[in-house]
Amino acid sequence: MTLFRTVALAALVFATSAEATDMAFFVKNMRKEAVAIELFSRDRETVWPGNDKVFLIDPSSQKSVPISCNQGERICYGAWVNGNDKISAGVGPDNDQPCDSCCFTCVEHSTETIDLVP
């Protein structure tokens, strides 16, 4: 294989793996308090919704949260009681808590469910 073909193939693989795709998170807040949630990329410095905003889920309600992410990207959620970030779930409000089951892989046209329980 020539150097040109090797470089071209590597560029194609890299471009494909970073291709933006749409997916959604279906968040069910089963708590009696409103919950704030953010989604954090483990592969780049990206937070959804970003710009110092959060997705706010009312008590005992649910919301679909669509995002655009890179195919194969790892995305983790951090959630907390609105107004009290000491009560948190997932990776927490600062993306600094250990979590085995709060990360998902970005897959085109897929939906992941997040259950926030009391």
N, C-alpha and C. Protein backbone atom coordinates (compact mmCIF):
# COMPACT_ATOMS: atom_id res chain seq x y z
N MET A 1 0.86 -1.17 0.00
CA MET A 1 0.00 0.00 0.00
C MET A 1 0.90 1.23 0.00
N THR A 2 0.57 2.17 -0.85
CA THR A 2 1.38 3.38 -0.93
C THR A 2 1.10 4.28 0.25
N LEU A 3 2.03 5.18 0.49
CA LEU A 3 1.87 6.13 1.58
C LEU A 3 0.61 6.97 1.38
N PHE A 4 0.35 7.39 0.14
CA PHE A 4 -0.84 8.19 -0.15
C PHE A 4 -2.11 7.43 0.22
N ARG A 5 -2.20 6.16 -0.17
CA ARG A 5 -3.39 5.37 0.14
C ARG A 5 -3.55 5.18 1.65
N THR A 6 -2.43 4.98 2.35
CA THR A 6 -2.48 4.81 3.80
C THR A 6 -2.99 6.08 4.47
N VAL A 7 -2.48 7.23 4.05
CA VAL A 7 -2.91 8.51 4.61
C VAL A 7 -4.37 8.76 4.26
N ALA A 8 -4.77 8.48 3.02
CA ALA A 8 -6.16 8.70 2.61
C ALA A 8 -7.10 7.80 3.40
N LEU A 9 -6.72 6.54 3.61
CA LEU A 9 -7.55 5.62 4.38
C LEU A 9 -7.66 6.08 5.84
N ALA A 10 -6.56 6.48 6.44
CA ALA A 10 -6.58 6.98 7.82
C ALA A 10 -7.46 8.21 7.93
N ALA A 11 -7.40 9.11 6.97
CA ALA A 11 -8.23 10.32 6.99
C ALA A 11 -9.70 9.95 6.88
N LEU A 12 -10.03 8.97 6.06
CA LEU A 12 -11.42 8.54 5.90
C LEU A 12 -11.95 7.93 7.20
N VAL A 13 -11.17 7.08 7.84
CA VAL A 13 -11.57 6.47 9.11
C VAL A 13 -11.77 7.54 10.17
N PHE A 14 -10.85 8.49 10.27
CA PHE A 14 -10.96 9.56 11.26
C PHE A 14 -12.19 10.41 10.99
N ALA A 15 -12.44 10.78 9.74
CA ALA A 15 -13.59 11.62 9.39
C ALA A 15 -14.88 10.89 9.71
N THR A 16 -14.94 9.60 9.47
CA THR A 16 -16.15 8.84 9.72
C THR A 16 -16.42 8.74 11.22
N SER A 17 -15.38 8.55 12.03
CA SER A 17 -15.59 8.38 13.46
C SER A 17 -16.01 9.67 14.15
N ALA A 18 -15.74 10.82 13.54
CA ALA A 18 -16.09 12.09 14.15
C ALA A 18 -17.34 12.70 13.51
N GLU A 19 -18.05 11.91 12.75
CA GLU A 19 -19.24 12.41 12.06
C GLU A 19 -20.36 12.70 13.06
N ALA A 20 -20.94 13.87 12.94
CA ALA A 20 -22.02 14.26 13.85
C ALA A 20 -23.27 13.44 13.54
N THR A 21 -23.94 13.04 14.60
CA THR A 21 -25.16 12.27 14.46
C THR A 21 -26.15 12.73 15.53
N ASP A 22 -27.41 12.44 15.33
CA ASP A 22 -28.44 12.83 16.28
C ASP A 22 -28.89 11.63 17.10
N MET A 23 -29.02 11.84 18.38
CA MET A 23 -29.59 10.84 19.27
C MET A 23 -30.38 11.56 20.35
N ALA A 24 -31.04 10.81 21.22
CA ALA A 24 -31.85 11.43 22.26
C ALA A 24 -31.69 10.68 23.58
N PHE A 25 -31.94 11.40 24.64
CA PHE A 25 -32.00 10.82 25.98
C PHE A 25 -33.41 11.06 26.49
N PHE A 26 -34.06 10.01 26.96
CA PHE A 26 -35.40 10.11 27.53
C PHE A 26 -35.23 10.07 29.04
N VAL A 27 -35.45 11.22 29.69
CA VAL A 27 -35.20 11.35 31.12
C VAL A 27 -36.52 11.28 31.88
N LYS A 28 -36.59 10.33 32.81
CA LYS A 28 -37.77 10.19 33.67
C LYS A 28 -37.38 10.62 35.08
N ASN A 29 -37.98 11.71 35.54
CA ASN A 29 -37.73 12.20 36.90
C ASN A 29 -38.82 11.65 37.81
N MET A 30 -38.49 10.65 38.60
CA MET A 30 -39.46 10.05 39.52
C MET A 30 -39.39 10.66 40.91
N ARG A 31 -38.61 11.71 41.04
CA ARG A 31 -38.46 12.40 42.32
C ARG A 31 -39.60 13.40 42.55
N LYS A 32 -39.74 13.88 43.78
CA LYS A 32 -40.75 14.89 44.11
C LYS A 32 -40.21 16.30 43.96
N GLU A 33 -38.93 16.41 43.55
CA GLU A 33 -38.31 17.72 43.32
C GLU A 33 -37.91 17.83 41.85
N ALA A 34 -37.83 19.06 41.38
CA ALA A 34 -37.32 19.29 40.02
C ALA A 34 -35.84 18.90 39.98
N VAL A 35 -35.41 18.39 38.85
CA VAL A 35 -34.03 17.93 38.70
C VAL A 35 -33.39 18.64 37.52
N ALA A 36 -32.15 19.07 37.71
CA ALA A 36 -31.34 19.64 36.63
C ALA A 36 -30.43 18.53 36.11
N ILE A 37 -30.20 18.52 34.81
CA ILE A 37 -29.34 17.49 34.22
C ILE A 37 -28.49 18.09 33.11
N GLU A 38 -27.26 17.61 33.04
CA GLU A 38 -26.35 17.96 31.95
C GLU A 38 -25.77 16.66 31.41
N LEU A 39 -25.39 16.69 30.14
CA LEU A 39 -24.74 15.56 29.50
C LEU A 39 -23.31 15.96 29.18
N PHE A 40 -22.36 15.09 29.50
CA PHE A 40 -20.94 15.40 29.35
C PHE A 40 -20.29 14.40 28.40
N SER A 41 -19.53 14.91 27.44
CA SER A 41 -18.75 14.03 26.57
C SER A 41 -17.51 13.57 27.32
N ARG A 42 -17.16 12.30 27.19
CA ARG A 42 -15.93 11.77 27.76
C ARG A 42 -14.78 11.86 26.76
N ASP A 43 -15.11 12.22 25.50
CA ASP A 43 -14.12 12.22 24.43
C ASP A 43 -13.66 13.60 23.98
N ARG A 44 -14.40 14.61 24.38
CA ARG A 44 -14.04 15.99 24.03
C ARG A 44 -14.66 16.92 25.06
N GLU A 45 -14.30 18.17 25.00
CA GLU A 45 -14.78 19.15 25.99
C GLU A 45 -16.14 19.71 25.55
N THR A 46 -17.16 18.87 25.64
CA THR A 46 -18.50 19.28 25.22
C THR A 46 -19.50 18.93 26.31
N VAL A 47 -20.42 19.86 26.56
CA VAL A 47 -21.49 19.67 27.54
C VAL A 47 -22.79 20.06 26.87
N TRP A 48 -23.83 19.27 27.10
CA TRP A 48 -25.16 19.62 26.59
C TRP A 48 -26.05 19.96 27.77
N PRO A 49 -26.84 21.01 27.80
CA PRO A 49 -27.07 21.91 26.67
C PRO A 49 -25.96 22.94 26.47
N GLY A 50 -25.06 23.12 27.42
CA GLY A 50 -23.94 24.06 27.27
C GLY A 50 -24.32 25.49 27.63
N ASN A 51 -23.34 26.38 27.52
CA ASN A 51 -23.54 27.81 27.79
C ASN A 51 -24.14 28.07 29.18
N ASP A 52 -23.68 27.33 30.18
CA ASP A 52 -24.14 27.49 31.57
C ASP A 52 -25.64 27.27 31.72
N LYS A 53 -26.22 26.45 30.86
CA LYS A 53 -27.64 26.09 30.97
C LYS A 53 -27.75 24.63 31.36
N VAL A 54 -28.94 24.23 31.81
CA VAL A 54 -29.22 22.84 32.16
C VAL A 54 -30.56 22.45 31.57
N PHE A 55 -30.78 21.14 31.46
CA PHE A 55 -32.12 20.65 31.15
C PHE A 55 -32.83 20.52 32.49
N LEU A 56 -33.98 21.14 32.62
CA LEU A 56 -34.74 21.09 33.87
C LEU A 56 -35.93 20.16 33.67
N ILE A 57 -36.03 19.16 34.55
CA ILE A 57 -37.10 18.17 34.48
C ILE A 57 -37.98 18.36 35.72
N ASP A 58 -39.24 18.68 35.50
CA ASP A 58 -40.17 18.89 36.61
C ASP A 58 -40.37 17.61 37.43
N PRO A 59 -40.85 17.75 38.67
CA PRO A 59 -41.11 16.58 39.52
C PRO A 59 -42.10 15.62 38.85
N SER A 60 -41.83 14.34 38.99
CA SER A 60 -42.72 13.29 38.47
C SER A 60 -43.07 13.50 37.00
N SER A 61 -42.09 13.89 36.20
CA SER A 61 -42.36 14.09 34.78
C SER A 61 -41.22 13.50 33.95
N GLN A 62 -41.34 13.63 32.66
CA GLN A 62 -40.34 13.09 31.75
C GLN A 62 -40.12 14.04 30.59
N LYS A 63 -38.94 13.94 29.99
CA LYS A 63 -38.59 14.84 28.90
C LYS A 63 -37.64 14.14 27.96
N SER A 64 -37.83 14.36 26.68
CA SER A 64 -36.89 13.87 25.68
C SER A 64 -35.87 14.97 25.41
N VAL A 65 -34.58 14.61 25.45
CA VAL A 65 -33.49 15.56 25.28
C VAL A 65 -32.70 15.17 24.04
N PRO A 66 -32.95 15.83 22.90
CA PRO A 66 -32.18 15.50 21.70
C PRO A 66 -30.83 16.21 21.69
N ILE A 67 -29.80 15.51 21.21
CA ILE A 67 -28.48 16.12 21.09
C ILE A 67 -27.86 15.71 19.76
N SER A 68 -26.84 16.44 19.37
CA SER A 68 -26.01 16.07 18.23
C SER A 68 -24.64 15.71 18.80
N CYS A 69 -24.19 14.49 18.52
CA CYS A 69 -22.92 14.01 19.07
C CYS A 69 -22.14 13.29 17.98
N ASN A 70 -20.92 12.91 18.29
CA ASN A 70 -20.10 12.17 17.33
C ASN A 70 -20.34 10.68 17.49
N GLN A 71 -20.55 10.01 16.37
CA GLN A 71 -20.76 8.56 16.37
C GLN A 71 -19.68 7.88 17.20
N GLY A 72 -20.07 7.05 18.17
CA GLY A 72 -19.13 6.33 19.01
C GLY A 72 -18.67 7.09 20.25
N GLU A 73 -19.03 8.35 20.37
CA GLU A 73 -18.62 9.18 21.51
C GLU A 73 -19.27 8.67 22.80
N ARG A 74 -18.53 8.72 23.90
CA ARG A 74 -19.07 8.34 25.21
C ARG A 74 -19.68 9.57 25.87
N ILE A 75 -20.93 9.43 26.32
CA ILE A 75 -21.67 10.53 26.93
C ILE A 75 -22.18 10.08 28.29
N CYS A 76 -21.91 10.87 29.32
CA CYS A 76 -22.35 10.56 30.68
C CYS A 76 -23.29 11.66 31.17
N TYR A 77 -24.22 11.28 32.02
CA TYR A 77 -25.12 12.29 32.56
C TYR A 77 -24.75 12.63 34.00
N GLY A 78 -25.01 13.89 34.33
CA GLY A 78 -24.91 14.36 35.70
C GLY A 78 -26.23 15.02 36.04
N ALA A 79 -26.83 14.63 37.15
CA ALA A 79 -28.13 15.18 37.54
C ALA A 79 -28.10 15.54 39.01
N TRP A 80 -28.91 16.52 39.37
CA TRP A 80 -28.99 16.93 40.77
C TRP A 80 -30.33 17.60 41.02
N VAL A 81 -30.73 17.61 42.29
CA VAL A 81 -31.96 18.29 42.67
C VAL A 81 -31.76 19.78 42.40
N ASN A 82 -32.68 20.37 41.69
CA ASN A 82 -32.57 21.79 41.34
C ASN A 82 -32.50 22.63 42.62
N GLY A 83 -31.42 23.38 42.76
CA GLY A 83 -31.23 24.20 43.95
C GLY A 83 -30.43 23.53 45.06
N ASN A 84 -30.11 22.24 44.90
CA ASN A 84 -29.34 21.52 45.92
C ASN A 84 -28.44 20.49 45.23
N ASP A 85 -27.27 20.92 44.78
CA ASP A 85 -26.40 20.00 44.05
C ASP A 85 -25.69 18.99 44.94
N LYS A 86 -25.98 19.01 46.26
CA LYS A 86 -25.45 17.98 47.16
C LYS A 86 -26.20 16.66 46.95
N ILE A 87 -27.42 16.72 46.43
CA ILE A 87 -28.20 15.52 46.13
C ILE A 87 -28.08 15.31 44.62
N SER A 88 -27.19 14.38 44.22
CA SER A 88 -26.91 14.22 42.80
C SER A 88 -26.90 12.76 42.38
N ALA A 89 -26.87 12.56 41.08
CA ALA A 89 -26.81 11.23 40.48
C ALA A 89 -25.87 11.28 39.28
N GLY A 90 -25.51 10.11 38.80
CA GLY A 90 -24.59 10.05 37.66
C GLY A 90 -23.23 10.59 38.04
N VAL A 91 -22.64 11.37 37.14
CA VAL A 91 -21.32 11.94 37.40
C VAL A 91 -21.41 13.25 38.18
N GLY A 92 -22.62 13.65 38.59
CA GLY A 92 -22.81 14.86 39.38
C GLY A 92 -22.75 16.13 38.56
N PRO A 93 -22.97 17.26 39.21
CA PRO A 93 -23.04 18.54 38.50
C PRO A 93 -21.69 19.01 37.94
N ASP A 94 -20.60 18.48 38.49
CA ASP A 94 -19.27 18.91 38.04
C ASP A 94 -18.55 17.83 37.23
N ASN A 95 -19.28 16.77 36.86
CA ASN A 95 -18.70 15.69 36.06
C ASN A 95 -17.47 15.09 36.75
N ASP A 96 -17.54 14.95 38.07
CA ASP A 96 -16.37 14.46 38.80
C ASP A 96 -16.67 13.29 39.74
N GLN A 97 -17.84 12.68 39.62
CA GLN A 97 -18.20 11.54 40.47
C GLN A 97 -18.02 10.23 39.68
N PRO A 98 -17.56 9.18 40.36
CA PRO A 98 -17.43 7.89 39.67
C PRO A 98 -18.82 7.32 39.37
N CYS A 99 -18.94 6.67 38.24
CA CYS A 99 -20.24 6.12 37.86
C CYS A 99 -20.03 5.00 36.85
N ASP A 100 -20.57 3.83 37.16
CA ASP A 100 -20.43 2.69 36.26
C ASP A 100 -21.56 2.58 35.24
N SER A 101 -22.72 3.10 35.58
CA SER A 101 -23.88 2.86 34.72
C SER A 101 -24.53 4.14 34.18
N CYS A 102 -23.80 5.25 34.15
CA CYS A 102 -24.42 6.50 33.72
C CYS A 102 -23.83 7.02 32.41
N CYS A 103 -23.09 6.17 31.70
CA CYS A 103 -22.50 6.58 30.43
C CYS A 103 -23.07 5.74 29.28
N PHE A 104 -23.18 6.36 28.14
CA PHE A 104 -23.76 5.73 26.96
C PHE A 104 -22.90 6.05 25.74
N THR A 105 -23.05 5.27 24.70
CA THR A 105 -22.33 5.51 23.45
C THR A 105 -23.26 6.17 22.46
N CYS A 106 -22.77 7.22 21.80
CA CYS A 106 -23.55 7.91 20.78
C CYS A 106 -23.76 7.00 19.58
N VAL A 107 -25.01 6.70 19.30
CA VAL A 107 -25.39 5.86 18.16
C VAL A 107 -26.49 6.60 17.40
N GLU A 108 -26.31 6.72 16.11
CA GLU A 108 -27.25 7.47 15.27
C GLU A 108 -28.69 6.99 15.44
N HIS A 109 -29.60 7.94 15.60
CA HIS A 109 -31.05 7.71 15.70
C HIS A 109 -31.42 6.77 16.84
N SER A 110 -30.66 6.81 17.93
CA SER A 110 -30.99 5.96 19.08
C SER A 110 -31.51 6.82 20.22
N THR A 111 -32.12 6.16 21.19
CA THR A 111 -32.60 6.82 22.39
C THR A 111 -32.17 6.01 23.60
N GLU A 112 -31.60 6.66 24.57
CA GLU A 112 -31.23 6.04 25.84
C GLU A 112 -32.15 6.58 26.92
N THR A 113 -32.51 5.74 27.87
CA THR A 113 -33.41 6.14 28.96
C THR A 113 -32.61 6.34 30.24
N ILE A 114 -32.91 7.44 30.91
CA ILE A 114 -32.31 7.76 32.22
C ILE A 114 -33.44 7.84 33.24
N ASP A 115 -33.41 6.96 34.24
CA ASP A 115 -34.41 6.97 35.30
C ASP A 115 -33.81 7.61 36.54
N LEU A 116 -34.35 8.73 36.96
CA LEU A 116 -33.88 9.43 38.17
C LEU A 116 -34.87 9.11 39.29
N VAL A 117 -34.43 8.25 40.20
CA VAL A 117 -35.30 7.76 41.26
C VAL A 117 -34.95 8.44 42.58
N PRO A 118 -35.92 8.45 43.52
CA PRO A 118 -35.66 9.06 44.83
C PRO A 118 -34.57 8.34 45.59
